[in-house]
Amino acid sequence: MSTSPDRLRLPSRLFDDGDFHLPIKSRSSEAPTLHMRFPVRLLDDEGLRRFVFSEFHGAGFEVQERDLLAALMKPSDLFVDVGAHFGLFSLVLAEIFPDLSCLAVEPSPENFDILAGNIRFNALADRITIVQCAVGDRTGRATLRLNSSMGHHLSREPVTNSQGAIEVDLLTLDALVAEHAGAENQLRPIWLKIDTEGREADALKGAVGLFQAERVKGVLWEFRVGHLINPDKEDIFRFFGEFGFRSFQISDSNIISVLDPVLQDRLTAMGF
């Protein structure tokens, strides 16, 4: 068995006509029923190699985060997956909860195309709505710096050299839910997953309306990018505190912030 992302040792059955088929672990079934497809050439991407290694040889990429969301959410909720990448969280949660409504958001054109293909491949298009845009503190256009397929992020500074950067649509979370969640989901409680590579604070600033209306029940957010701590971490804590949320570090990179005191007590009892 491989012991390193540099030595994936992936079986030939996972390769098909230029695509790699990755079975996704799910607590709903012993045998994987979900598969994620993407071009084989992307296996040269170091970040994606670590993702594949964790999912194929390990317990699963961010499996604790996935399982915890599944334990805390209700089937009648709306799950908004900000920075959906290839669709891991949306696919897993939509499979666990057939009545769950998902909104998966991804700004990268290549990632978005792969995301859309994965949703179709797994026959979940009736449960997951996809939107190609970035999420921030305003609506308009923004510059997306391209990195690893898992490391794209919005630039806060003017970009003088366009190489490695593209212009993308930008929406606030308030506008995103109002415009794309569908009329039938406008009263559903909301759970957010925000993975925007250090721009989580900007995404939250654009969701004040949802928080004021007490629509948001919980947020899974990334506080560490690689070895770097999110520079806005303390501002994010203050934001959640103003709305009565408590925050719990659940892994080396992710924190979950929840509003319901019952859920807060459950997380405390679980040792977080």
Protein backbone atom coordinates (compact mmCIF):
# COMPACT_ATOMS: atom_id res chain seq x y z
CA MET A 1 0.00 0.00 0.00
CA SER A 2 1.16 3.51 -0.74
CA THR A 3 2.40 5.54 2.22
CA SER A 4 2.75 8.88 0.49
CA PRO A 5 0.83 11.13 -1.93
CA ASP A 6 3.95 10.91 -4.12
CA ARG A 7 3.35 7.17 -4.51
CA LEU A 8 -0.37 6.88 -5.14
CA ARG A 9 -0.24 3.38 -6.71
CA LEU A 10 -3.70 3.71 -8.19
CA PRO A 11 -5.25 0.67 -9.91
CA SER A 12 -5.75 0.79 -13.67
CA ARG A 13 -9.49 0.23 -13.30
CA LEU A 14 -9.80 3.85 -12.07
CA PHE A 15 -8.50 5.24 -15.37
CA ASP A 16 -10.80 5.52 -18.37
CA ASP A 17 -10.35 7.45 -21.62
CA GLY A 18 -8.32 10.28 -20.11
CA ASP A 19 -10.41 10.54 -16.93
CA PHE A 20 -9.68 9.37 -13.41
CA HIS A 21 -12.59 7.86 -11.46
CA LEU A 22 -12.23 8.26 -7.70
CA PRO A 23 -14.59 6.25 -5.46
CA ILE A 24 -15.86 8.45 -2.61
CA LYS A 25 -16.25 7.03 0.86
CA SER A 26 -19.64 7.53 2.48
CA ARG A 27 -21.01 6.49 5.82
CA SER A 28 -24.33 5.61 4.13
CA SER A 29 -22.84 2.51 2.50
CA GLU A 30 -19.91 0.14 3.07
CA ALA A 31 -19.16 0.10 -0.66
CA PRO A 32 -18.68 3.49 -2.36
CA THR A 33 -21.69 4.50 -4.43
CA LEU A 34 -20.36 7.93 -5.41
CA HIS A 35 -17.56 8.56 -7.87
CA MET A 36 -15.71 11.74 -8.69
CA ARG A 37 -14.28 12.13 -12.19
CA PHE A 38 -11.64 14.54 -13.42
CA PRO A 39 -8.95 14.59 -16.15
CA VAL A 40 -5.95 12.36 -15.46
CA ARG A 41 -3.57 15.26 -16.18
CA LEU A 42 -4.75 16.94 -12.96
CA LEU A 43 -3.04 14.22 -10.94
CA ASP A 44 0.09 16.32 -11.45
CA ASP A 45 -1.53 18.87 -9.10
CA GLU A 46 0.07 18.38 -5.67
CA GLY A 47 -3.03 19.49 -3.77
CA LEU A 48 -5.27 17.15 -5.70
CA ARG A 49 -2.83 14.27 -5.21
CA ARG A 50 -3.15 14.71 -1.46
CA PHE A 51 -6.92 14.74 -1.82
CA VAL A 52 -6.85 11.50 -3.85
CA PHE A 53 -4.40 9.85 -1.46
CA SER A 54 -6.61 10.64 1.53
CA GLU A 55 -9.76 9.45 -0.18
CA PHE A 56 -8.37 6.26 -1.74
CA HIS A 57 -5.73 5.10 0.74
CA GLY A 58 -6.90 6.88 3.91
CA ALA A 59 -10.11 7.36 5.86
CA GLY A 60 -11.36 9.99 3.40
CA PHE A 61 -10.65 13.65 2.69
CA GLU A 62 -12.04 15.78 5.55
CA VAL A 63 -14.18 12.81 6.49
CA GLN A 64 -14.64 14.06 10.04
CA GLU A 65 -16.04 17.34 8.71
CA ARG A 66 -18.37 15.48 6.35
CA ASP A 67 -19.64 13.16 9.06
CA LEU A 68 -20.11 15.99 11.54
CA LEU A 69 -22.20 18.04 9.11
CA ALA A 70 -24.31 14.97 8.40
CA ALA A 71 -24.84 14.48 12.14
CA LEU A 72 -25.85 18.11 12.80
CA MET A 73 -27.90 18.98 9.73
CA LYS A 74 -31.53 18.09 9.03
CA PRO A 75 -32.89 16.69 5.75
CA SER A 76 -35.07 19.80 5.36
CA ASP A 77 -32.09 22.21 5.40
CA LEU A 78 -30.47 24.11 2.55
CA PHE A 79 -26.76 23.38 2.20
CA VAL A 80 -24.70 26.10 0.51
CA ASP A 81 -21.29 24.81 -0.56
CA VAL A 82 -19.05 27.84 -1.16
CA GLY A 83 -15.85 26.77 -2.90
CA ALA A 84 -17.37 23.46 -3.97
CA HIS A 85 -14.33 22.41 -6.01
CA PHE A 86 -15.29 19.10 -7.69
CA GLY A 87 -18.36 18.65 -5.47
CA LEU A 88 -17.23 16.37 -2.64
CA PHE A 89 -19.32 17.83 0.20
CA SER A 90 -22.42 18.43 -1.91
CA LEU A 91 -22.31 14.93 -3.40
CA VAL A 92 -21.85 13.20 -0.05
CA LEU A 93 -24.55 15.16 1.79
CA ALA A 94 -27.04 14.94 -1.08
CA GLU A 95 -26.60 11.17 -1.08
CA ILE A 96 -27.10 10.94 2.70
CA PHE A 97 -30.18 13.22 2.70
CA PRO A 98 -32.44 12.66 -0.34
CA ASP A 99 -34.61 15.64 0.70
CA LEU A 100 -31.70 18.01 1.23
CA SER A 101 -31.42 20.96 -1.15
CA CYS A 102 -27.84 21.88 -2.13
CA LEU A 103 -26.40 24.98 -3.76
CA ALA A 104 -22.82 24.34 -4.96
CA VAL A 105 -20.77 27.43 -5.87
CA GLU A 106 -17.45 27.38 -7.74
CA PRO A 107 -15.71 30.26 -9.58
CA SER A 108 -13.02 28.38 -11.55
CA PRO A 109 -14.28 27.53 -15.06
CA GLU A 110 -12.36 24.24 -15.17
CA ASN A 111 -13.43 23.21 -11.67
CA PHE A 112 -17.02 24.22 -12.46
CA ASP A 113 -17.13 22.01 -15.55
CA ILE A 114 -15.81 19.06 -13.54
CA LEU A 115 -18.29 19.81 -10.74
CA ALA A 116 -21.19 19.84 -13.20
CA GLY A 117 -20.00 16.56 -14.75
CA ASN A 118 -19.74 14.88 -11.34
CA ILE A 119 -23.26 15.90 -10.39
CA ARG A 120 -24.61 14.49 -13.67
CA PHE A 121 -22.51 11.34 -13.40
CA ASN A 122 -23.89 10.62 -9.93
CA ALA A 123 -27.48 11.44 -11.00
CA LEU A 124 -27.86 14.20 -8.38
CA ALA A 125 -28.82 17.13 -10.62
CA ASP A 126 -32.30 17.18 -9.08
CA ARG A 127 -30.82 17.84 -5.62
CA ILE A 128 -27.81 20.06 -6.36
CA THR A 129 -27.99 23.45 -8.07
CA ILE A 130 -24.65 24.77 -9.34
CA VAL A 131 -23.61 28.40 -9.75
CA GLN A 132 -20.39 29.59 -11.41
CA CYS A 133 -19.24 32.59 -9.39
CA ALA A 134 -17.11 33.67 -6.47
CA VAL A 135 -18.61 34.78 -3.16
CA GLY A 136 -17.57 37.96 -1.37
CA ASP A 137 -18.60 41.18 0.33
CA ARG A 138 -20.09 42.78 -2.78
CA THR A 139 -21.69 41.94 -6.11
CA GLY A 140 -19.88 42.58 -9.39
CA ARG A 141 -16.63 41.27 -10.85
CA ALA A 142 -13.43 40.14 -9.14
CA THR A 143 -10.00 38.72 -9.91
CA LEU A 144 -9.44 35.03 -9.17
CA ARG A 145 -5.82 34.01 -8.71
CA LEU A 146 -5.25 30.50 -10.07
CA ASN A 147 -3.17 28.08 -8.06
CA SER A 148 -3.56 24.38 -7.40
CA SER A 149 -7.08 23.32 -8.41
CA MET A 150 -7.79 23.41 -4.67
CA GLY A 151 -6.05 26.72 -4.05
CA HIS A 152 -7.73 29.39 -6.19
CA HIS A 153 -8.51 32.57 -4.26
CA LEU A 154 -9.79 36.10 -4.83
CA SER A 155 -7.19 38.84 -5.02
CA ARG A 156 -7.61 41.78 -2.65
CA GLU A 157 -4.93 43.77 -4.47
CA PRO A 158 -4.86 45.00 -8.10
CA VAL A 159 -3.30 42.42 -10.40
CA THR A 160 -0.81 44.02 -12.78
CA ASN A 161 0.18 40.77 -14.47
CA SER A 162 -2.83 38.85 -15.75
CA GLN A 163 -0.90 35.58 -16.04
CA GLY A 164 -2.33 33.15 -13.52
CA ALA A 165 -5.44 35.25 -12.87
CA ILE A 166 -8.90 35.52 -14.44
CA GLU A 167 -11.94 37.75 -14.00
CA VAL A 168 -15.02 36.07 -12.49
CA ASP A 169 -18.52 37.01 -11.41
CA LEU A 170 -18.87 37.90 -7.73
CA LEU A 171 -22.01 37.62 -5.58
CA THR A 172 -22.74 38.13 -1.91
CA LEU A 173 -24.22 35.18 -0.09
CA ASP A 174 -27.39 37.21 0.46
CA ALA A 175 -27.75 37.71 -3.30
CA LEU A 176 -26.70 34.15 -4.11
CA VAL A 177 -29.43 32.58 -1.99
CA ALA A 178 -32.07 35.07 -3.14
CA GLU A 179 -31.25 34.57 -6.83
CA HIS A 180 -30.29 30.93 -7.11
CA ALA A 181 -31.67 28.86 -4.23
CA GLY A 182 -35.18 28.75 -5.71
CA ALA A 183 -38.46 30.03 -4.30
CA GLU A 184 -39.11 26.72 -2.55
CA ASN A 185 -35.90 27.11 -0.48
CA GLN A 186 -36.24 30.70 0.69
CA LEU A 187 -37.51 29.66 4.14
CA ARG A 188 -35.28 26.66 4.69
CA PRO A 189 -32.66 26.84 7.45
CA ILE A 190 -29.18 27.20 5.96
CA TRP A 191 -25.90 25.44 6.59
CA LEU A 192 -22.81 26.92 4.97
CA LYS A 193 -19.49 25.38 4.05
CA ILE A 194 -17.04 28.17 3.21
CA ASP A 195 -13.68 27.18 1.75
CA THR A 196 -12.34 30.25 -0.05
CA GLU A 197 -8.62 29.99 0.74
CA GLY A 198 -8.39 32.84 3.26
CA ARG A 199 -11.32 34.93 2.02
CA GLU A 200 -13.90 33.51 4.43
CA ALA A 201 -14.37 36.86 6.22
CA ASP A 202 -15.40 38.56 2.97
CA ALA A 203 -17.96 35.83 2.28
CA LEU A 204 -19.48 36.33 5.73
CA LYS A 205 -19.68 40.11 5.28
CA GLY A 206 -21.93 39.46 2.30
CA ALA A 207 -24.26 37.27 4.37
CA VAL A 208 -25.34 39.75 7.05
CA GLY A 209 -28.93 39.67 5.84
CA LEU A 210 -29.12 35.90 6.19
CA PHE A 211 -27.61 36.06 9.67
CA GLN A 212 -29.90 38.87 10.79
CA ALA A 213 -32.89 36.83 9.64
CA GLU A 214 -31.51 33.87 11.64
CA ARG A 215 -31.57 31.72 8.51
CA VAL A 216 -28.03 30.42 9.06
CA LYS A 217 -27.81 27.59 11.59
CA GLY A 218 -24.21 26.54 11.16
CA VAL A 219 -21.02 27.25 9.22
CA LEU A 220 -18.08 24.99 8.47
CA TRP A 221 -15.14 27.23 7.59
CA GLU A 222 -11.44 26.92 6.92
CA PHE A 223 -9.15 28.78 9.32
CA ARG A 224 -5.87 27.43 7.98
CA VAL A 225 -4.52 27.51 4.42
CA GLY A 226 -1.61 25.09 4.27
CA HIS A 227 0.65 26.15 7.15
CA LEU A 228 -0.81 29.67 7.33
CA ILE A 229 -3.49 30.74 9.79
CA ASN A 230 -6.32 32.76 8.24
CA PRO A 231 -5.32 36.39 8.98
CA ASP A 232 -9.01 37.27 9.51
CA LYS A 233 -9.60 34.53 12.07
CA GLU A 234 -10.26 36.85 15.02
CA ASP A 235 -12.58 39.06 12.94
CA ILE A 236 -14.52 35.94 11.96
CA PHE A 237 -14.85 34.92 15.60
CA ARG A 238 -16.20 38.39 16.42
CA PHE A 239 -18.68 38.19 13.55
CA PHE A 240 -20.07 34.90 14.81
CA GLY A 241 -20.14 36.14 18.39
CA GLU A 242 -22.28 39.12 17.41
CA PHE A 243 -24.93 36.72 16.11
CA GLY A 244 -24.84 34.32 19.06
CA PHE A 245 -22.78 31.56 17.44
CA ARG A 246 -20.20 29.46 19.24
CA SER A 247 -17.20 28.14 17.38
CA PHE A 248 -15.49 24.76 17.74
CA GLN A 249 -12.22 23.65 16.16
CA ILE A 250 -12.90 20.21 14.73
CA SER A 251 -9.69 19.51 12.79
CA ASP A 252 -6.30 20.98 11.97
CA SER A 253 -7.84 23.24 9.33
CA ASN A 254 -11.56 23.64 9.98
CA ILE A 255 -13.87 25.20 12.53
CA ILE A 256 -17.62 24.77 12.84
CA SER A 257 -19.72 27.64 14.22
CA VAL A 258 -23.30 26.91 15.30
CA LEU A 259 -26.24 28.93 16.59
CA ASP A 260 -28.49 26.36 18.31
CA PRO A 261 -27.57 25.92 22.02
CA VAL A 262 -28.54 22.25 21.77
CA LEU A 263 -26.01 21.72 19.00
CA GLN A 264 -23.45 23.75 20.94
CA ASP A 265 -23.92 21.40 23.89
CA ARG A 266 -23.63 18.36 21.62
CA LEU A 267 -20.34 19.58 20.22
CA THR A 268 -19.04 20.28 23.72
CA ALA A 269 -20.04 16.77 24.81
CA MET A 270 -18.21 15.36 21.79
CA GLY A 271 -15.01 16.95 23.07
CA PHE A 272 -14.64 19.83 20.63
